[in-house]
Amino acid sequence: MSNHSTKIWTKDFINISLVQFIVFIGFYTLLTTLPIYVMKELGGTEAQGGLVVTIMLIAAIIMRPISGNLIEKVGKKNTLMWGTGLFSGTMFFYLLVDSFIGLMILRFIHGLSFGVLTTVVSAIAADVVPNERKGAGLGYFAMATNIAMVVGPFLGLTLIQFISFKVFLFVVSIIILLSVLCAFQVKVPQITHTIIKNTMRKFSIHDLVETKALPIAAISLFVGVAYSSILSYISVFANTNGLENVASYFFVVFAVVMILARPSLGQLFDVKGPKYVIIPSLIVFSSGLVLLSFTSSPWMFLVAAAVIGLGSGSLLPSFQTMCIQAGGPGRSGHATATFYIFWDIGIATGSYVLGLIVAMFNFQVLYITCAILLLIVLGMFMLQQSWQGKEQKVKEQVPVENV
């Protein structure tokens, strides 16, 4: 009985992980190909190509605060089915778009569904994973995104070399439609009814975010800024430094190291606690960015990818797990939404601000700046842990004093 209750790889966990994988296959496939589509098919500029990426993230950020309350009111299963249906259905409208304005409107709508869907999928994953194995379970779940981050761009950039954009968009639409089938198979644990009734009495900030998760979510924002330096600029960095021939291998090495390290780091999180994972991960991530800033050869480039993958791989699931644990099981939707609000803001802000740093200085300054930022984050996290520890001691002493 106990073995079953602590099992991670259940049918529901596998299906919700597949939903996450398929959705992010679509996200990363379009992330890398739509800018090319804008320039080649719609006659747009590079700036306009970047806007089709940014507008979707902005829509997702707008939707995050609403998502938590929507999920708890409508129900996670219903939100999951509507979310996958809208996200998949919107894909087919890309076949009808023939103008930049039309594409921007469609991307905004797609971003709204993406914001709700990714929030509810992560919340359900947190519910189906046993409490005592949250770190390991959500670490495995995050691997779906990591693998999609490699497969998506590779699939997209390969397909557009052999087929037209219209055929390509149709193929991707069919692939994403599979997420609806996987979502249908998921059984969501019913654990939130009482809490929903209590929180629906009147509107408050708790209807939008989980306030207990705010300290960790705020810290994750700055990690998102540093992470955006890889997502948004690694390909440009490679081209600038004559490494375009090995650029496609960066995320392969990055993901392989991340996947290999994830199981042991997830177990370490569950057994020893978050600080034993997050503190060394921030140091390794920072070191990898410093190494990248001085990269001048293919082997250094790929070694930096491995170090960065090792350091950054467990940060997102670790911070997300901490947010969910802070909110409690009945608030997993709000806690997940709170985490992603700050994470998305970090990615979106970093993608813009770091571009200004590159324009004013160079990539070396960019990556050293991000490395320093991560060390500042390390200090912030240690302060948060110290404050949380003191607060916990006070709570433990209260019953004793009352006796």
Foldseek 3Di string as FASTA:
>chain_A
DVVVLQDQPDLQLVLLLVLVLLLLLLVLLCLQCQLVCCCPQAVDDNVLSVLLNLLLLVLLLVQLLQLLLCCLVVHLLVLQLVLLVQLLVLLLCVLVDRHSVVSSVSSSSNSNSVNNNVLSSLLQQQQSHRPLLLLLNLLVSCLSNLVSNLNNNVVNVVVVVPDPPSVVSVVSSVSSNVSSVSSVPHDGDPDAPVVSVVCPPDDDSLSRAQVLLQLLLQLLLLVLLLVLCCVQPQCVVCVVLVNNVCSSVLSVLLSVLLVVQRNVLSVCCSPPNLCVQQLVLLLQLLVLLLQCLPDRDNVSSNVSSNSNSSSPSSSLSSSLSVQDVSRDSNSSSRSSSSNSSSSSNSNSVSSPVLVVVCVVDHSSVSSNVSSVSSVVSSVSVVVVVVVVVVVVVVVVCVVVVVD
